[in-house]
Amino acid sequence: MAMVTGEHIRAARERVGESQAEFGKRFGVDQSAISRWETQGLPSRGPAEAIVERVLAELREAAE
């Protein structure tokens, strides 16, 4: 699987028609976290990494 980038997160969020705040709420993070992920890249460690993994798992399930 190709490396997931902030652009992938943004494209997925836009595909489901959600604002950053709505998308963040879905995963238990605030809008500023989604903004950081989209512009500065995804976290590679710590609690945020687990949330990103959850986001990616849900997006994979939706694509199937």
PDB file of N, CA and C in Angstrom:
ATOM      1  N   MET A   1       0.849  -1.187   0.000  1.00  0.00           N
ATOM      2  CA  MET A   1       0.000   0.000   0.000  1.00  0.00           C
ATOM      3  C   MET A   1       0.889   1.243   0.000  1.00  0.00           C
ATOM      4  N   ALA A   2       0.534   2.227  -0.784  1.00  0.00           N
ATOM      5  CA  ALA A   2       1.301   3.464  -0.868  1.00  0.00           C
ATOM      6  C   ALA A   2       1.184   4.234   0.437  1.00  0.00           C
ATOM      7  N   MET A   3       2.202   5.054   0.688  1.00  0.00           N
ATOM      8  CA  MET A   3       2.197   5.874   1.889  1.00  0.00           C
ATOM      9  C   MET A   3       1.036   6.870   1.857  1.00  0.00           C
ATOM     10  N   VAL A   4       0.318   6.956   2.955  1.00  0.00           N
ATOM     11  CA  VAL A   4      -0.804   7.881   3.052  1.00  0.00           C
ATOM     12  C   VAL A   4      -0.266   9.247   3.443  1.00  0.00           C
ATOM     13  N   THR A   5      -0.761  10.270   2.764  1.00  0.00           N
ATOM     14  CA  THR A   5      -0.315  11.636   3.017  1.00  0.00           C
ATOM     15  C   THR A   5      -1.483  12.490   3.483  1.00  0.00           C
ATOM     16  N   GLY A   6      -1.162  13.701   3.866  1.00  0.00           N
ATOM     17  CA  GLY A   6      -2.200  14.659   4.222  1.00  0.00           C
ATOM     18  C   GLY A   6      -3.164  14.904   3.080  1.00  0.00           C
ATOM     19  N   GLU A   7      -2.652  14.840   1.860  1.00  0.00           N
ATOM     20  CA  GLU A   7      -3.521  15.026   0.696  1.00  0.00           C
ATOM     21  C   GLU A   7      -4.557  13.907   0.596  1.00  0.00           C
ATOM     22  N   HIS A   8      -4.150  12.696   0.963  1.00  0.00           N
ATOM     23  CA  HIS A   8      -5.099  11.574   0.962  1.00  0.00           C
ATOM     24  C   HIS A   8      -6.205  11.800   1.996  1.00  0.00           C
ATOM     25  N   ILE A   9      -5.815  12.274   3.177  1.00  0.00           N
ATOM     26  CA  ILE A   9      -6.804  12.545   4.223  1.00  0.00           C
ATOM     27  C   ILE A   9      -7.768  13.624   3.749  1.00  0.00           C
ATOM     28  N   ARG A  10      -7.239  14.691   3.163  1.00  0.00           N
ATOM     29  CA  ARG A  10      -8.095  15.769   2.663  1.00  0.00           C
ATOM     30  C   ARG A  10      -9.051  15.255   1.593  1.00  0.00           C
ATOM     31  N   ALA A  11      -8.538  14.467   0.654  1.00  0.00           N
ATOM     32  CA  ALA A  11      -9.385  13.944  -0.422  1.00  0.00           C
ATOM     33  C   ALA A  11     -10.492  13.057   0.149  1.00  0.00           C
ATOM     34  N   ALA A  12     -10.156  12.223   1.139  1.00  0.00           N
ATOM     35  CA  ALA A  12     -11.165  11.362   1.747  1.00  0.00           C
ATOM     36  C   ALA A  12     -12.217  12.194   2.462  1.00  0.00           C
ATOM     37  N   ARG A  13     -11.783  13.205   3.190  1.00  0.00           N
ATOM     38  CA  ARG A  13     -12.726  14.074   3.904  1.00  0.00           C
ATOM     39  C   ARG A  13     -13.654  14.774   2.931  1.00  0.00           C
ATOM     40  N   GLU A  14     -13.098  15.281   1.864  1.00  0.00           N
ATOM     41  CA  GLU A  14     -13.916  15.974   0.867  1.00  0.00           C
ATOM     42  C   GLU A  14     -14.861  15.004   0.159  1.00  0.00           C
ATOM     43  N   ARG A  15     -14.406  13.777  -0.061  1.00  0.00           N
ATOM     44  CA  ARG A  15     -15.237  12.771  -0.726  1.00  0.00           C
ATOM     45  C   ARG A  15     -16.494  12.469   0.091  1.00  0.00           C
ATOM     46  N   VAL A  16     -16.371  12.493   1.428  1.00  0.00           N
ATOM     47  CA  VAL A  16     -17.548  12.238   2.261  1.00  0.00           C
ATOM     48  C   VAL A  16     -18.308  13.527   2.567  1.00  0.00           C
ATOM     49  N   GLY A  17     -17.813  14.650   2.048  1.00  0.00           N
ATOM     50  CA  GLY A  17     -18.529  15.914   2.165  1.00  0.00           C
ATOM     51  C   GLY A  17     -18.538  16.518   3.557  1.00  0.00           C
ATOM     52  N   GLU A  18     -17.469  16.297   4.325  1.00  0.00           N
ATOM     53  CA  GLU A  18     -17.417  16.823   5.672  1.00  0.00           C
ATOM     54  C   GLU A  18     -16.400  17.948   5.806  1.00  0.00           C
ATOM     55  N   SER A  19     -16.706  18.880   6.696  1.00  0.00           N
ATOM     56  CA  SER A  19     -15.734  19.923   7.043  1.00  0.00           C
ATOM     57  C   SER A  19     -14.644  19.271   7.901  1.00  0.00           C
ATOM     58  N   GLN A  20     -13.572  20.000   8.135  1.00  0.00           N
ATOM     59  CA  GLN A  20     -12.532  19.477   9.015  1.00  0.00           C
ATOM     60  C   GLN A  20     -13.104  19.206  10.407  1.00  0.00           C
ATOM     61  N   ALA A  21     -13.968  20.099  10.893  1.00  0.00           N
ATOM     62  CA  ALA A  21     -14.561  19.928  12.222  1.00  0.00           C
ATOM     63  C   ALA A  21     -15.434  18.671  12.277  1.00  0.00           C
ATOM     64  N   GLU A  22     -16.245  18.456  11.247  1.00  0.00           N
ATOM     65  CA  GLU A  22     -17.115  17.270  11.213  1.00  0.00           C
ATOM     66  C   GLU A  22     -16.285  15.987  11.137  1.00  0.00           C
ATOM     67  N   PHE A  23     -15.269  16.007  10.293  1.00  0.00           N
ATOM     68  CA  PHE A  23     -14.414  14.832  10.125  1.00  0.00           C
ATOM     69  C   PHE A  23     -13.686  14.526  11.423  1.00  0.00           C
ATOM     70  N   GLY A  24     -13.197  15.564  12.072  1.00  0.00           N
ATOM     71  CA  GLY A  24     -12.522  15.375  13.352  1.00  0.00           C
ATOM     72  C   GLY A  24     -13.442  14.820  14.412  1.00  0.00           C
ATOM     73  N   LYS A  25     -14.645  15.323  14.468  1.00  0.00           N
ATOM     74  CA  LYS A  25     -15.619  14.857  15.461  1.00  0.00           C
ATOM     75  C   LYS A  25     -15.891  13.362  15.292  1.00  0.00           C
ATOM     76  N   ARG A  26     -15.942  12.922  14.052  1.00  0.00           N
ATOM     77  CA  ARG A  26     -16.172  11.501  13.763  1.00  0.00           C
ATOM     78  C   ARG A  26     -15.121  10.626  14.444  1.00  0.00           C
ATOM     79  N   PHE A  27     -13.895  11.146  14.563  1.00  0.00           N
ATOM     80  CA  PHE A  27     -12.782  10.362  15.107  1.00  0.00           C
ATOM     81  C   PHE A  27     -12.296  10.841  16.473  1.00  0.00           C
ATOM     82  N   GLY A  28     -13.020  11.792  17.049  1.00  0.00           N
ATOM     83  CA  GLY A  28     -12.673  12.220  18.397  1.00  0.00           C
ATOM     84  C   GLY A  28     -11.503  13.175  18.496  1.00  0.00           C
ATOM     85  N   VAL A  29     -11.255  13.921  17.425  1.00  0.00           N
ATOM     86  CA  VAL A  29     -10.207  14.948  17.460  1.00  0.00           C
ATOM     87  C   VAL A  29     -10.806  16.272  17.008  1.00  0.00           C
ATOM     88  N   ASP A  30     -10.135  17.360  17.343  1.00  0.00           N
ATOM     89  CA  ASP A  30     -10.694  18.650  16.946  1.00  0.00           C
ATOM     90  C   ASP A  30     -10.241  19.056  15.547  1.00  0.00           C
ATOM     91  N   GLN A  31     -10.837  20.108  15.060  1.00  0.00           N
ATOM     92  CA  GLN A  31     -10.581  20.608  13.707  1.00  0.00           C
ATOM     93  C   GLN A  31      -9.107  20.903  13.490  1.00  0.00           C
ATOM     94  N   SER A  32      -8.431  21.426  14.513  1.00  0.00           N
ATOM     95  CA  SER A  32      -7.021  21.795  14.343  1.00  0.00           C
ATOM     96  C   SER A  32      -6.153  20.569  14.052  1.00  0.00           C
ATOM     97  N   ALA A  33      -6.511  19.409  14.607  1.00  0.00           N
ATOM     98  CA  ALA A  33      -5.751  18.189  14.319  1.00  0.00           C
ATOM     99  C   ALA A  33      -5.906  17.802  12.854  1.00  0.00           C
ATOM    100  N   ILE A  34      -7.125  17.860  12.352  1.00  0.00           N
ATOM    101  CA  ILE A  34      -7.352  17.529  10.938  1.00  0.00           C
ATOM    102  C   ILE A  34      -6.593  18.500  10.049  1.00  0.00           C
ATOM    103  N   SER A  35      -6.627  19.768  10.386  1.00  0.00           N
ATOM    104  CA  SER A  35      -5.895  20.768   9.614  1.00  0.00           C
ATOM    105  C   SER A  35      -4.399  20.458   9.599  1.00  0.00           C
ATOM    106  N   ARG A  36      -3.843  20.117  10.755  1.00  0.00           N
ATOM    107  CA  ARG A  36      -2.409  19.765  10.827  1.00  0.00           C
ATOM    108  C   ARG A  36      -2.103  18.553   9.970  1.00  0.00           C
ATOM    109  N   TRP A  37      -2.964  17.525  10.073  1.00  0.00           N
ATOM    110  CA  TRP A  37      -2.719  16.315   9.285  1.00  0.00           C
ATOM    111  C   TRP A  37      -2.708  16.640   7.800  1.00  0.00           C
ATOM    112  N   GLU A  38      -3.629  17.492   7.375  1.00  0.00           N
ATOM    113  CA  GLU A  38      -3.733  17.808   5.948  1.00  0.00           C
ATOM    114  C   GLU A  38      -2.594  18.687   5.460  1.00  0.00           C
ATOM    115  N   THR A  39      -2.075  19.559   6.304  1.00  0.00           N
ATOM    116  CA  THR A  39      -1.061  20.514   5.844  1.00  0.00           C
ATOM    117  C   THR A  39       0.362  20.179   6.264  1.00  0.00           C
ATOM    118  N   GLN A  40       0.534  19.526   7.413  1.00  0.00           N
ATOM    119  CA  GLN A  40       1.874  19.258   7.929  1.00  0.00           C
ATOM    120  C   GLN A  40       2.247  17.789   7.913  1.00  0.00           C
ATOM    121  N   GLY A  41       1.294  16.943   7.584  1.00  0.00           N
ATOM    122  CA  GLY A  41       1.555  15.507   7.530  1.00  0.00           C
ATOM    123  C   GLY A  41       0.955  14.773   8.705  1.00  0.00           C
ATOM    124  N   LEU A  42       0.942  13.473   8.590  1.00  0.00           N
ATOM    125  CA  LEU A  42       0.322  12.615   9.589  1.00  0.00           C
ATOM    126  C   LEU A  42       1.294  12.302  10.715  1.00  0.00           C
ATOM    127  N   PRO A  43       0.782  12.152  11.944  1.00  0.00           N
ATOM    128  CA  PRO A  43       1.648  11.794  13.067  1.00  0.00           C
ATOM    129  C   PRO A  43       2.157  10.367  12.905  1.00  0.00           C
ATOM    130  N   SER A  44       3.383  10.142  13.348  1.00  0.00           N
ATOM    131  CA  SER A  44       3.967   8.807  13.205  1.00  0.00           C
ATOM    132  C   SER A  44       4.159   8.113  14.541  1.00  0.00           C
ATOM    133  N   ARG A  45       3.699   8.743  15.630  1.00  0.00           N
ATOM    134  CA  ARG A  45       3.805   8.096  16.936  1.00  0.00           C
ATOM    135  C   ARG A  45       2.826   8.751  17.912  1.00  0.00           C
ATOM    136  N   GLY A  46       2.684   8.110  19.052  1.00  0.00           N
ATOM    137  CA  GLY A  46       1.829   8.659  20.093  1.00  0.00           C
ATOM    138  C   GLY A  46       0.357   8.382  19.860  1.00  0.00           C
ATOM    139  N   PRO A  47      -0.488   8.980  20.715  1.00  0.00           N
ATOM    140  CA  PRO A  47      -1.935   8.740  20.632  1.00  0.00           C
ATOM    141  C   PRO A  47      -2.537   9.127  19.285  1.00  0.00           C
ATOM    142  N   ALA A  48      -2.021  10.180  18.669  1.00  0.00           N
ATOM    143  CA  ALA A  48      -2.567  10.613  17.380  1.00  0.00           C
ATOM    144  C   ALA A  48      -2.353   9.560  16.302  1.00  0.00           C
ATOM    145  N   GLU A  49      -1.269   8.819  16.400  1.00  0.00           N
ATOM    146  CA  GLU A  49      -1.019   7.764  15.410  1.00  0.00           C
ATOM    147  C   GLU A  49      -2.142   6.722  15.456  1.00  0.00           C
ATOM    148  N   ALA A  50      -2.603   6.380  16.658  1.00  0.00           N
ATOM    149  CA  ALA A  50      -3.688   5.406  16.788  1.00  0.00           C
ATOM    150  C   ALA A  50      -4.970   5.938  16.156  1.00  0.00           C
ATOM    151  N   ILE A  51      -5.235   7.211  16.312  1.00  0.00           N
ATOM    152  CA  ILE A  51      -6.430   7.804  15.717  1.00  0.00           C
ATOM    153  C   ILE A  51      -6.323   7.767  14.201  1.00  0.00           C
ATOM    154  N   VAL A  52      -5.153   8.099  13.678  1.00  0.00           N
ATOM    155  CA  VAL A  52      -4.961   8.060  12.223  1.00  0.00           C
ATOM    156  C   VAL A  52      -5.180   6.639  11.715  1.00  0.00           C
ATOM    157  N   GLU A  53      -4.697   5.647  12.443  1.00  0.00           N
ATOM    158  CA  GLU A  53      -4.915   4.259  12.029  1.00  0.00           C
ATOM    159  C   GLU A  53      -6.405   3.944  11.966  1.00  0.00           C
ATOM    160  N   ARG A  54      -7.169   4.454  12.915  1.00  0.00           N
ATOM    161  CA  ARG A  54      -8.623   4.252  12.910  1.00  0.00           C
ATOM    162  C   ARG A  54      -9.267   4.922  11.711  1.00  0.00           C
ATOM    163  N   VAL A  55      -8.829   6.150  11.415  1.00  0.00           N
ATOM    164  CA  VAL A  55      -9.330   6.867  10.240  1.00  0.00           C
ATOM    165  C   VAL A  55      -9.064   6.043   8.988  1.00  0.00           C
ATOM    166  N   LEU A  56      -7.832   5.580   8.844  1.00  0.00           N
ATOM    167  CA  LEU A  56      -7.452   4.833   7.640  1.00  0.00           C
ATOM    168  C   LEU A  56      -8.229   3.522   7.533  1.00  0.00           C
ATOM    169  N   ALA A  57      -8.447   2.839   8.657  1.00  0.00           N
ATOM    170  CA  ALA A  57      -9.215   1.591   8.625  1.00  0.00           C
ATOM    171  C   ALA A  57     -10.639   1.850   8.173  1.00  0.00           C
ATOM    172  N   GLU A  58     -11.244   2.909   8.686  1.00  0.00           N
ATOM    173  CA  GLU A  58     -12.616   3.224   8.280  1.00  0.00           C
ATOM    174  C   GLU A  58     -12.679   3.595   6.807  1.00  0.00           C
ATOM    175  N   LEU A  59     -11.696   4.333   6.335  1.00  0.00           N
ATOM    176  CA  LEU A  59     -11.683   4.717   4.921  1.00  0.00           C
ATOM    177  C   LEU A  59     -11.499   3.497   4.021  1.00  0.00           C
ATOM    178  N   ARG A  60     -10.673   2.548   4.458  1.00  0.00           N
ATOM    179  CA  ARG A  60     -10.491   1.312   3.671  1.00  0.00           C
ATOM    180  C   ARG A  60     -11.786   0.522   3.614  1.00  0.00           C
ATOM    181  N   GLU A  61     -12.484   0.421   4.754  1.00  0.00           N
ATOM    182  CA  GLU A  61     -13.755  -0.302   4.790  1.00  0.00           C
ATOM    183  C   GLU A  61     -14.782   0.348   3.868  1.00  0.00           C
ATOM    184  N   ALA A  62     -14.815   1.674   3.855  1.00  0.00           N
ATOM    185  CA  ALA A  62     -15.770   2.395   3.021  1.00  0.00           C
ATOM    186  C   ALA A  62     -15.480   2.191   1.542  1.00  0.00           C
ATOM    187  N   ALA A  63     -14.207   1.981   1.202  1.00  0.00           N
ATOM    188  CA  ALA A  63     -13.821   1.813  -0.193  1.00  0.00           C
ATOM    189  C   ALA A  63     -14.137   0.408  -0.708  1.00  0.00           C
ATOM    190  N   GLU A  64     -14.369  -0.535   0.185  1.00  0.00           N
ATOM    191  CA  GLU A  64     -14.622  -1.927  -0.239  1.00  0.00           C
ATOM    192  C   GLU A  64     -16.038  -2.135  -0.697  1.00  0.00           C
TER     193      GLU A  64
END
